[in-house]
Amino acid sequence: MIVVLVSGCKNAQQASVVAFPRSFSELAQKVQPAVVNISSTSTVRI
């Protein structure tokens, strides 16, 4: 039981260290539709 617990802790520790996203594509696809481009026109006196 102790061996299993220690092994589990090591695996969890290793998992937290290598928790690097493989891709951000799903997140990008999720948020992009609500992001807008804004163009504004103003008058400047010369």
All heavy atoms as atom14 arrays in JSON, in Angstrom:
{
  "sequence": "MIVVLVSGCKNAQQASVVAFPRSFSELAQKVQPAVVNISSTSTVRI",
  "atom14_mask": [
    [1, 1, 1, 1, 1, 1, 1, 1, 0, 0, 0, 0, 0, 0],
    [1, 1, 1, 1, 1, 1, 1, 1, 0, 0, 0, 0, 0, 0],
    [1, 1, 1, 1, 1, 1, 1, 0, 0, 0, 0, 0, 0, 0],
    [1, 1, 1, 1, 1, 1, 1, 0, 0, 0, 0, 0, 0, 0],
    [1, 1, 1, 1, 1, 1, 1, 1, 0, 0, 0, 0, 0, 0],
    [1, 1, 1, 1, 1, 1, 1, 0, 0, 0, 0, 0, 0, 0],
    [1, 1, 1, 1, 1, 1, 0, 0, 0, 0, 0, 0, 0, 0],
    [1, 1, 1, 1, 0, 0, 0, 0, 0, 0, 0, 0, 0, 0],
    [1, 1, 1, 1, 1, 1, 0, 0, 0, 0, 0, 0, 0, 0],
    [1, 1, 1, 1, 1, 1, 1, 1, 1, 0, 0, 0, 0, 0],
    [1, 1, 1, 1, 1, 1, 1, 1, 0, 0, 0, 0, 0, 0],
    [1, 1, 1, 1, 1, 0, 0, 0, 0, 0, 0, 0, 0, 0],
    [1, 1, 1, 1, 1, 1, 1, 1, 1, 0, 0, 0, 0, 0],
    [1, 1, 1, 1, 1, 1, 1, 1, 1, 0, 0, 0, 0, 0],
    [1, 1, 1, 1, 1, 0, 0, 0, 0, 0, 0, 0, 0, 0],
    [1, 1, 1, 1, 1, 1, 0, 0, 0, 0, 0, 0, 0, 0],
    [1, 1, 1, 1, 1, 1, 1, 0, 0, 0, 0, 0, 0, 0],
    [1, 1, 1, 1, 1, 1, 1, 0, 0, 0, 0, 0, 0, 0],
    [1, 1, 1, 1, 1, 0, 0, 0, 0, 0, 0, 0, 0, 0],
    [1, 1, 1, 1, 1, 1, 1, 1, 1, 1, 1, 0, 0, 0],
    [1, 1, 1, 1, 1, 1, 1, 0, 0, 0, 0, 0, 0, 0],
    [1, 1, 1, 1, 1, 1, 1, 1, 1, 1, 1, 0, 0, 0],
    [1, 1, 1, 1, 1, 1, 0, 0, 0, 0, 0, 0, 0, 0],
    [1, 1, 1, 1, 1, 1, 1, 1, 1, 1, 1, 0, 0, 0],
    [1, 1, 1, 1, 1, 1, 0, 0, 0, 0, 0, 0, 0, 0],
    [1, 1, 1, 1, 1, 1, 1, 1, 1, 0, 0, 0, 0, 0],
    [1, 1, 1, 1, 1, 1, 1, 1, 0, 0, 0, 0, 0, 0],
    [1, 1, 1, 1, 1, 0, 0, 0, 0, 0, 0, 0, 0, 0],
    [1, 1, 1, 1, 1, 1, 1, 1, 1, 0, 0, 0, 0, 0],
    [1, 1, 1, 1, 1, 1, 1, 1, 1, 0, 0, 0, 0, 0],
    [1, 1, 1, 1, 1, 1, 1, 0, 0, 0, 0, 0, 0, 0],
    [1, 1, 1, 1, 1, 1, 1, 1, 1, 0, 0, 0, 0, 0],
    [1, 1, 1, 1, 1, 1, 1, 0, 0, 0, 0, 0, 0, 0],
    [1, 1, 1, 1, 1, 0, 0, 0, 0, 0, 0, 0, 0, 0],
    [1, 1, 1, 1, 1, 1, 1, 0, 0, 0, 0, 0, 0, 0],
    [1, 1, 1, 1, 1, 1, 1, 0, 0, 0, 0, 0, 0, 0],
    [1, 1, 1, 1, 1, 1, 1, 1, 0, 0, 0, 0, 0, 0],
    [1, 1, 1, 1, 1, 1, 1, 1, 0, 0, 0, 0, 0, 0],
    [1, 1, 1, 1, 1, 1, 0, 0, 0, 0, 0, 0, 0, 0],
    [1, 1, 1, 1, 1, 1, 0, 0, 0, 0, 0, 0, 0, 0],
    [1, 1, 1, 1, 1, 1, 1, 0, 0, 0, 0, 0, 0, 0],
    [1, 1, 1, 1, 1, 1, 0, 0, 0, 0, 0, 0, 0, 0],
    [1, 1, 1, 1, 1, 1, 1, 0, 0, 0, 0, 0, 0, 0],
    [1, 1, 1, 1, 1, 1, 1, 0, 0, 0, 0, 0, 0, 0],
    [1, 1, 1, 1, 1, 1, 1, 1, 1, 1, 1, 0, 0, 0],
    [1, 1, 1, 1, 1, 1, 1, 1, 0, 0, 0, 0, 0, 0]
  ],
  "atom14_positions": [
    [[0.82, -1.21, 0.0], [0.0, 0.0, 0.0], [0.86, 1.26, 0.0], [0.6, 2.23, -0.72], [-0.93, 0.01, 1.23], [-1.92, 1.17, 1.24], [-2.94, 1.15, 2.74], [-3.8, -0.41, 2.5], [0.0, 0.0, 0.0], [0.0, 0.0, 0.0], [0.0, 0.0, 0.0], [0.0, 0.0, 0.0], [0.0, 0.0, 0.0], [0.0, 0.0, 0.0]],
    [[1.93, 1.24, 0.79], [2.84, 2.39, 0.87], [3.51, 2.63, -0.47], [3.65, 3.76, -0.94], [3.89, 2.18, 1.98], [3.21, 2.21, 3.35], [4.99, 3.24, 1.9], [4.13, 1.82, 4.49], [0.0, 0.0, 0.0], [0.0, 0.0, 0.0], [0.0, 0.0, 0.0], [0.0, 0.0, 0.0], [0.0, 0.0, 0.0], [0.0, 0.0, 0.0]],
    [[3.94, 1.49, -1.12], [4.58, 1.6, -2.42], [3.63, 2.23, -3.44], [4.01, 3.1, -4.24], [5.06, 0.22, -2.91], [5.49, 0.3, -4.39], [6.19, -0.28, -2.04], [0.0, 0.0, 0.0], [0.0, 0.0, 0.0], [0.0, 0.0, 0.0], [0.0, 0.0, 0.0], [0.0, 0.0, 0.0], [0.0, 0.0, 0.0], [0.0, 0.0, 0.0]],
    [[2.36, 1.8, -3.43], [1.37, 2.34, -4.36], [1.15, 3.83, -4.12], [1.1, 4.63, -5.06], [0.03, 1.57, -4.22], [-1.07, 2.29, -5.0], [0.19, 0.15, -4.72], [0.0, 0.0, 0.0], [0.0, 0.0, 0.0], [0.0, 0.0, 0.0], [0.0, 0.0, 0.0], [0.0, 0.0, 0.0], [0.0, 0.0, 0.0], [0.0, 0.0, 0.0]],
    [[1.06, 4.23, -2.83], [0.84, 5.64, -2.5], [2.01, 6.51, -2.94], [1.85, 7.59, -3.51], [0.61, 5.8, -1.0], [-0.74, 5.31, -0.48], [-0.77, 5.36, 1.05], [-1.87, 6.16, -1.05], [0.0, 0.0, 0.0], [0.0, 0.0, 0.0], [0.0, 0.0, 0.0], [0.0, 0.0, 0.0], [0.0, 0.0, 0.0], [0.0, 0.0, 0.0]],
    [[3.23, 6.04, -2.66], [4.42, 6.8, -3.04], [4.51, 6.92, -4.55], [4.81, 7.99, -5.11], [5.7, 6.13, -2.48], [6.94, 6.78, -3.08], [5.72, 6.22, -0.97], [0.0, 0.0, 0.0], [0.0, 0.0, 0.0], [0.0, 0.0, 0.0], [0.0, 0.0, 0.0], [0.0, 0.0, 0.0], [0.0, 0.0, 0.0], [0.0, 0.0, 0.0]],
    [[4.22, 5.8, -5.24], [4.25, 5.83, -6.7], [3.23, 6.8, -7.25], [3.5, 7.55, -8.19], [4.0, 4.41, -7.24], [3.95, 4.43, -8.65], [0.0, 0.0, 0.0], [0.0, 0.0, 0.0], [0.0, 0.0, 0.0], [0.0, 0.0, 0.0], [0.0, 0.0, 0.0], [0.0, 0.0, 0.0], [0.0, 0.0, 0.0], [0.0, 0.0, 0.0]],
    [[2.03, 6.8, -6.63], [0.98, 7.72, -7.07], [1.37, 9.16, -6.88], [1.14, 10.02, -7.73], [0.0, 0.0, 0.0], [0.0, 0.0, 0.0], [0.0, 0.0, 0.0], [0.0, 0.0, 0.0], [0.0, 0.0, 0.0], [0.0, 0.0, 0.0], [0.0, 0.0, 0.0], [0.0, 0.0, 0.0], [0.0, 0.0, 0.0], [0.0, 0.0, 0.0]],
    [[2.01, 9.46, -5.74], [2.46, 10.83, -5.46], [3.5, 11.29, -6.48], [3.48, 12.41, -6.95], [3.04, 10.94, -4.05], [1.78, 10.83, -2.74], [0.0, 0.0, 0.0], [0.0, 0.0, 0.0], [0.0, 0.0, 0.0], [0.0, 0.0, 0.0], [0.0, 0.0, 0.0], [0.0, 0.0, 0.0], [0.0, 0.0, 0.0], [0.0, 0.0, 0.0]],
    [[4.44, 10.37, -6.79], [5.48, 10.72, -7.77], [4.87, 10.98, -9.13], [5.25, 11.92, -9.83], [6.5, 9.58, -7.86], [7.46, 9.53, -6.67], [8.51, 8.46, -6.88], [9.52, 8.44, -5.73], [10.55, 7.41, -5.91], [0.0, 0.0, 0.0], [0.0, 0.0, 0.0], [0.0, 0.0, 0.0], [0.0, 0.0, 0.0], [0.0, 0.0, 0.0]],
    [[3.89, 10.12, -9.52], [3.25, 10.32, -10.82], [2.5, 11.64, -10.87], [2.52, 12.35, -11.87], [2.3, 9.16, -11.12], [3.05, 7.87, -11.39], [4.21, 7.9, -11.78], [2.39, 6.74, -11.19], [0.0, 0.0, 0.0], [0.0, 0.0, 0.0], [0.0, 0.0, 0.0], [0.0, 0.0, 0.0], [0.0, 0.0, 0.0], [0.0, 0.0, 0.0]],
    [[1.81, 11.96, -9.74], [1.06, 13.22, -9.67], [2.0, 14.4, -9.75], [1.73, 15.41, -10.41], [0.24, 13.27, -8.38], [0.0, 0.0, 0.0], [0.0, 0.0, 0.0], [0.0, 0.0, 0.0], [0.0, 0.0, 0.0], [0.0, 0.0, 0.0], [0.0, 0.0, 0.0], [0.0, 0.0, 0.0], [0.0, 0.0, 0.0], [0.0, 0.0, 0.0]],
    [[3.15, 14.26, -9.07], [4.14, 15.33, -9.07], [4.7, 15.54, -10.48], [4.83, 16.66, -10.96], [5.27, 14.96, -8.11], [6.01, 16.17, -7.56], [6.97, 15.78, -6.45], [7.44, 14.65, -6.4], [7.24, 16.7, -5.57], [0.0, 0.0, 0.0], [0.0, 0.0, 0.0], [0.0, 0.0, 0.0], [0.0, 0.0, 0.0], [0.0, 0.0, 0.0]],
    [[4.99, 14.42, -11.15], [5.49, 14.5, -12.51], [4.45, 15.09, -13.44], [4.76, 15.89, -14.32], [5.91, 13.12, -13.0], [7.17, 12.58, -12.31], [7.46, 11.15, -12.71], [6.65, 10.51, -13.37], [8.61, 10.65, -12.31], [0.0, 0.0, 0.0], [0.0, 0.0, 0.0], [0.0, 0.0, 0.0], [0.0, 0.0, 0.0], [0.0, 0.0, 0.0]],
    [[3.17, 14.73, -13.22], [2.1, 15.24, -14.07], [1.97, 16.75, -13.92], [1.74, 17.47, -14.9], [0.77, 14.56, -13.72], [0.0, 0.0, 0.0], [0.0, 0.0, 0.0], [0.0, 0.0, 0.0], [0.0, 0.0, 0.0], [0.0, 0.0, 0.0], [0.0, 0.0, 0.0], [0.0, 0.0, 0.0], [0.0, 0.0, 0.0], [0.0, 0.0, 0.0]],
    [[2.11, 17.25, -12.68], [2.0, 18.69, -12.46], [3.15, 19.43, -13.09], [3.02, 20.56, -13.54], [1.94, 19.0, -10.96], [3.17, 18.65, -10.33], [0.0, 0.0, 0.0], [0.0, 0.0, 0.0], [0.0, 0.0, 0.0], [0.0, 0.0, 0.0], [0.0, 0.0, 0.0], [0.0, 0.0, 0.0], [0.0, 0.0, 0.0], [0.0, 0.0, 0.0]],
    [[4.31, 18.79, -13.18], [5.48, 19.44, -13.76], [5.35, 19.53, -15.27], [5.73, 20.52, -15.89], [6.77, 18.69, -13.37], [7.97, 19.22, -14.15], [7.02, 18.81, -11.87], [0.0, 0.0, 0.0], [0.0, 0.0, 0.0], [0.0, 0.0, 0.0], [0.0, 0.0, 0.0], [0.0, 0.0, 0.0], [0.0, 0.0, 0.0], [0.0, 0.0, 0.0]],
    [[4.79, 18.49, -15.9], [4.73, 18.45, -17.36], [3.36, 18.83, -17.88], [3.02, 18.5, -19.01], [5.11, 17.03, -17.88], [6.52, 16.67, -17.5], [4.13, 15.96, -17.36], [0.0, 0.0, 0.0], [0.0, 0.0, 0.0], [0.0, 0.0, 0.0], [0.0, 0.0, 0.0], [0.0, 0.0, 0.0], [0.0, 0.0, 0.0], [0.0, 0.0, 0.0]],
    [[2.55, 19.55, -17.07], [1.2, 19.94, -17.5], [1.28, 21.06, -18.52], [0.89, 22.2, -18.26], [0.37, 20.36, -16.29], [0.0, 0.0, 0.0], [0.0, 0.0, 0.0], [0.0, 0.0, 0.0], [0.0, 0.0, 0.0], [0.0, 0.0, 0.0], [0.0, 0.0, 0.0], [0.0, 0.0, 0.0], [0.0, 0.0, 0.0], [0.0, 0.0, 0.0]],
    [[1.82, 20.78, -19.69], [1.96, 21.76, -20.76], [0.89, 21.47, -21.81], [0.82, 20.35, -22.32], [3.35, 21.66, -21.38], [3.67, 22.76, -22.34], [4.34, 23.88, -21.92], [3.28, 22.67, -23.67], [4.64, 24.9, -22.82], [3.56, 23.68, -24.57], [4.25, 24.79, -24.14], [0.0, 0.0, 0.0], [0.0, 0.0, 0.0], [0.0, 0.0, 0.0]],
    [[0.04, 22.45, -22.15], [-1.02, 22.18, -23.13], [-0.44, 21.76, -24.47], [0.51, 22.36, -24.98], [-1.73, 23.54, -23.25], [-1.36, 24.29, -22.02], [0.0, 23.82, -21.64], [0.0, 0.0, 0.0], [0.0, 0.0, 0.0], [0.0, 0.0, 0.0], [0.0, 0.0, 0.0], [0.0, 0.0, 0.0], [0.0, 0.0, 0.0], [0.0, 0.0, 0.0]],
    [[-1.01, 20.7, -25.04], [-0.55, 20.26, -26.36], [-0.93, 21.28, -27.42], [-0.21, 21.46, -28.4], [-1.18, 18.9, -26.7], [-0.65, 17.75, -25.86], [-1.25, 16.44, -26.34], [-0.74, 15.31, -25.59], [-1.1, 14.05, -25.8], [-1.97, 13.77, -26.78], [-0.6, 13.07, -25.08], [0.0, 0.0, 0.0], [0.0, 0.0, 0.0], [0.0, 0.0, 0.0]],
    [[-2.09, 21.9, -27.24], [-2.57, 22.87, -28.21], [-3.56, 23.82, -27.54], [-4.23, 23.45, -26.57], [-3.25, 22.15, -29.38], [-3.87, 23.09, -30.25], [0.0, 0.0, 0.0], [0.0, 0.0, 0.0], [0.0, 0.0, 0.0], [0.0, 0.0, 0.0], [0.0, 0.0, 0.0], [0.0, 0.0, 0.0], [0.0, 0.0, 0.0], [0.0, 0.0, 0.0]],
    [[-3.63, 25.04, -28.08], [-4.61, 26.03, -27.6], [-5.75, 26.19, -28.61], [-6.53, 27.12, -28.51], [-3.92, 27.38, -27.38], [-2.87, 27.37, -26.31], [-1.53, 27.15, -26.63], [-3.21, 27.57, -24.98], [-0.56, 27.15, -25.65], [-2.24, 27.57, -23.99], [-0.91, 27.36, -24.32], [0.0, 0.0, 0.0], [0.0, 0.0, 0.0], [0.0, 0.0, 0.0]],
    [[-5.82, 25.29, -29.58], [-6.76, 25.45, -30.69], [-8.21, 25.43, -30.23], [-9.03, 26.24, -30.68], [-6.52, 24.38, -31.75], [-6.69, 23.09, -31.2], [0.0, 0.0, 0.0], [0.0, 0.0, 0.0], [0.0, 0.0, 0.0], [0.0, 0.0, 0.0], [0.0, 0.0, 0.0], [0.0, 0.0, 0.0], [0.0, 0.0, 0.0], [0.0, 0.0, 0.0]],
    [[-8.56, 24.49, -29.34], [-9.95, 24.4, -28.88], [-10.35, 25.66, -28.11], [-11.45, 26.17, -28.27], [-10.13, 23.16, -28.0], [-10.04, 21.86, -28.75], [-10.35, 20.66, -27.87], [-10.75, 20.87, -26.7], [-10.21, 19.53, -28.35], [0.0, 0.0, 0.0], [0.0, 0.0, 0.0], [0.0, 0.0, 0.0], [0.0, 0.0, 0.0], [0.0, 0.0, 0.0]],
    [[-9.44, 26.16, -27.27], [-9.71, 27.37, -26.51], [-9.86, 28.56, -27.45], [-10.77, 29.38, -27.29], [-8.59, 27.62, -25.51], [-8.72, 28.85, -24.62], [-9.99, 28.8, -23.79], [-7.5, 28.98, -23.71], [0.0, 0.0, 0.0], [0.0, 0.0, 0.0], [0.0, 0.0, 0.0], [0.0, 0.0, 0.0], [0.0, 0.0, 0.0], [0.0, 0.0, 0.0]],
    [[-8.98, 28.66, -28.45], [-9.05, 29.76, -29.41], [-10.37, 29.74, -30.18], [-11.01, 30.78, -30.37], [-7.87, 29.69, -30.37], [0.0, 0.0, 0.0], [0.0, 0.0, 0.0], [0.0, 0.0, 0.0], [0.0, 0.0, 0.0], [0.0, 0.0, 0.0], [0.0, 0.0, 0.0], [0.0, 0.0, 0.0], [0.0, 0.0, 0.0], [0.0, 0.0, 0.0]],
    [[-10.78, 28.55, -30.62], [-12.04, 28.43, -31.35], [-13.22, 28.8, -30.47], [-14.21, 29.36, -30.96], [-12.2, 27.01, -31.88], [-11.23, 26.66, -33.0], [-11.34, 25.21, -33.42], [-12.11, 24.43, -32.85], [-10.57, 24.81, -34.43], [0.0, 0.0, 0.0], [0.0, 0.0, 0.0], [0.0, 0.0, 0.0], [0.0, 0.0, 0.0], [0.0, 0.0, 0.0]],
    [[-13.1, 28.53, -29.2], [-14.2, 28.81, -28.27], [-14.39, 30.31, -28.05], [-15.52, 30.79, -27.97], [-13.91, 28.11, -26.93], [-14.9, 28.41, -25.82], [-14.49, 27.72, -24.53], [-15.43, 28.07, -23.39], [-14.99, 27.42, -22.11], [0.0, 0.0, 0.0], [0.0, 0.0, 0.0], [0.0, 0.0, 0.0], [0.0, 0.0, 0.0], [0.0, 0.0, 0.0]],
    [[-13.29, 31.06, -27.95], [-13.4, 32.47, -27.56], [-13.44, 33.43, -28.75], [-13.97, 34.54, -28.61], [-12.24, 32.86, -26.62], [-12.23, 31.97, -25.39], [-10.89, 32.82, -27.33], [0.0, 0.0, 0.0], [0.0, 0.0, 0.0], [0.0, 0.0, 0.0], [0.0, 0.0, 0.0], [0.0, 0.0, 0.0], [0.0, 0.0, 0.0], [0.0, 0.0, 0.0]],
    [[-12.9, 33.04, -29.89], [-12.8, 33.98, -31.01], [-14.12, 34.59, -31.47], [-14.15, 35.77, -31.81], [-12.11, 33.3, -32.2], [-10.59, 33.37, -32.14], [-9.95, 32.82, -33.4], [-10.33, 31.77, -33.9], [-8.96, 33.53, -33.9], [0.0, 0.0, 0.0], [0.0, 0.0, 0.0], [0.0, 0.0, 0.0], [0.0, 0.0, 0.0], [0.0, 0.0, 0.0]],
    [[-15.22, 33.84, -31.52], [-16.46, 34.44, -32.03], [-16.93, 35.67, -31.27], [-17.6, 36.53, -31.85], [-17.47, 33.29, -31.9], [-16.64, 32.05, -31.98], [-15.38, 32.38, -31.27], [0.0, 0.0, 0.0], [0.0, 0.0, 0.0], [0.0, 0.0, 0.0], [0.0, 0.0, 0.0], [0.0, 0.0, 0.0], [0.0, 0.0, 0.0], [0.0, 0.0, 0.0]],
    [[-16.6, 35.78, -29.98], [-17.08, 36.91, -29.17], [-16.11, 38.09, -29.18], [-16.4, 39.14, -28.61], [-17.33, 36.47, -27.73], [0.0, 0.0, 0.0], [0.0, 0.0, 0.0], [0.0, 0.0, 0.0], [0.0, 0.0, 0.0], [0.0, 0.0, 0.0], [0.0, 0.0, 0.0], [0.0, 0.0, 0.0], [0.0, 0.0, 0.0], [0.0, 0.0, 0.0]],
    [[-14.95, 37.93, -29.83], [-13.97, 39.01, -29.92], [-14.24, 39.8, -31.2], [-14.43, 39.22, -32.27], [-12.53, 38.48, -29.93], [-11.52, 39.63, -30.01], [-12.27, 37.65, -28.67], [0.0, 0.0, 0.0], [0.0, 0.0, 0.0], [0.0, 0.0, 0.0], [0.0, 0.0, 0.0], [0.0, 0.0, 0.0], [0.0, 0.0, 0.0], [0.0, 0.0, 0.0]],
    [[-14.28, 41.13, -31.1], [-14.65, 41.97, -32.24], [-13.52, 42.91, -32.62], [-12.67, 43.26, -31.79], [-15.93, 42.78, -31.95], [-17.07, 41.86, -31.57], [-15.69, 43.8, -30.83], [0.0, 0.0, 0.0], [0.0, 0.0, 0.0], [0.0, 0.0, 0.0], [0.0, 0.0, 0.0], [0.0, 0.0, 0.0], [0.0, 0.0, 0.0], [0.0, 0.0, 0.0]],
    [[-13.52, 43.3, -33.87], [-12.62, 44.34, -34.37], [-13.38, 45.66, -34.39], [-14.54, 45.71, -34.83], [-12.12, 44.01, -35.78], [-11.32, 42.73, -35.81], [-10.66, 42.38, -34.83], [-11.39, 42.0, -36.91], [0.0, 0.0, 0.0], [0.0, 0.0, 0.0], [0.0, 0.0, 0.0], [0.0, 0.0, 0.0], [0.0, 0.0, 0.0], [0.0, 0.0, 0.0]],
    [[-12.75, 46.71, -33.92], [-13.41, 48.01, -33.82], [-12.63, 49.03, -34.64], [-11.42, 49.19, -34.47], [-13.48, 48.49, -32.36], [-14.28, 47.49, -31.51], [-14.1, 49.88, -32.27], [-14.29, 47.82, -30.03], [0.0, 0.0, 0.0], [0.0, 0.0, 0.0], [0.0, 0.0, 0.0], [0.0, 0.0, 0.0], [0.0, 0.0, 0.0], [0.0, 0.0, 0.0]],
    [[-13.32, 49.71, -35.54], [-12.72, 50.81, -36.29], [-13.53, 52.06, -35.99], [-14.76, 52.05, -36.06], [-12.7, 50.53, -37.79], [-14.0, 50.34, -38.28], [0.0, 0.0, 0.0], [0.0, 0.0, 0.0], [0.0, 0.0, 0.0], [0.0, 0.0, 0.0], [0.0, 0.0, 0.0], [0.0, 0.0, 0.0], [0.0, 0.0, 0.0], [0.0, 0.0, 0.0]],
    [[-12.85, 53.13, -35.61], [-13.54, 54.38, -35.28], [-12.99, 55.51, -36.13], [-11.8, 55.55, -36.46], [-13.36, 54.71, -33.8], [-12.0, 54.9, -33.47], [0.0, 0.0, 0.0], [0.0, 0.0, 0.0], [0.0, 0.0, 0.0], [0.0, 0.0, 0.0], [0.0, 0.0, 0.0], [0.0, 0.0, 0.0], [0.0, 0.0, 0.0], [0.0, 0.0, 0.0]],
    [[-13.86, 56.43, -36.49], [-13.49, 57.59, -37.29], [-13.77, 58.86, -36.49], [-14.86, 59.03, -35.94], [-14.3, 57.63, -38.6], [-14.12, 56.4, -39.3], [-13.84, 58.78, -39.48], [0.0, 0.0, 0.0], [0.0, 0.0, 0.0], [0.0, 0.0, 0.0], [0.0, 0.0, 0.0], [0.0, 0.0, 0.0], [0.0, 0.0, 0.0], [0.0, 0.0, 0.0]],
    [[-12.78, 59.72, -36.4], [-12.93, 60.98, -35.66], [-12.46, 62.13, -36.53], [-11.75, 61.94, -37.52], [-12.14, 60.93, -34.35], [-10.78, 60.67, -34.6], [0.0, 0.0, 0.0], [0.0, 0.0, 0.0], [0.0, 0.0, 0.0], [0.0, 0.0, 0.0], [0.0, 0.0, 0.0], [0.0, 0.0, 0.0], [0.0, 0.0, 0.0], [0.0, 0.0, 0.0]],
    [[-12.85, 63.34, -36.14], [-12.48, 64.54, -36.88], [-11.4, 65.3, -36.13], [-11.55, 65.6, -34.94], [-13.69, 65.46, -37.09], [-14.73, 64.73, -37.76], [-13.31, 66.68, -37.9], [0.0, 0.0, 0.0], [0.0, 0.0, 0.0], [0.0, 0.0, 0.0], [0.0, 0.0, 0.0], [0.0, 0.0, 0.0], [0.0, 0.0, 0.0], [0.0, 0.0, 0.0]],
    [[-10.29, 65.58, -36.81], [-9.18, 66.31, -36.21], [-9.05, 67.65, -36.9], [-9.11, 67.74, -38.13], [-7.85, 65.51, -36.35], [-6.69, 66.28, -35.75], [-7.99, 64.15, -35.69], [0.0, 0.0, 0.0], [0.0, 0.0, 0.0], [0.0, 0.0, 0.0], [0.0, 0.0, 0.0], [0.0, 0.0, 0.0], [0.0, 0.0, 0.0], [0.0, 0.0, 0.0]],
    [[-8.88, 68.72, -36.12], [-8.73, 70.07, -36.67], [-7.24, 70.35, -36.96], [-6.39, 70.21, -36.08], [-9.24, 71.11, -35.69], [-10.65, 70.87, -35.16], [-11.72, 70.94, -36.2], [-11.76, 72.2, -36.93], [-12.71, 72.48, -37.83], [-13.65, 71.58, -38.11], [-12.69, 73.63, -38.46], [0.0, 0.0, 0.0], [0.0, 0.0, 0.0], [0.0, 0.0, 0.0]],
    [[-6.94, 70.73, -38.19], [-5.58, 71.09, -38.59], [-5.52, 72.6, -38.79], [-6.36, 73.17, -39.5], [-5.18, 70.38, -39.91], [-5.29, 68.86, -39.75], [-3.78, 70.78, -40.32], [-4.36, 68.28, -38.72], [0.0, 0.0, 0.0], [0.0, 0.0, 0.0], [0.0, 0.0, 0.0], [0.0, 0.0, 0.0], [0.0, 0.0, 0.0], [0.0, 0.0, 0.0]]
  ]
}
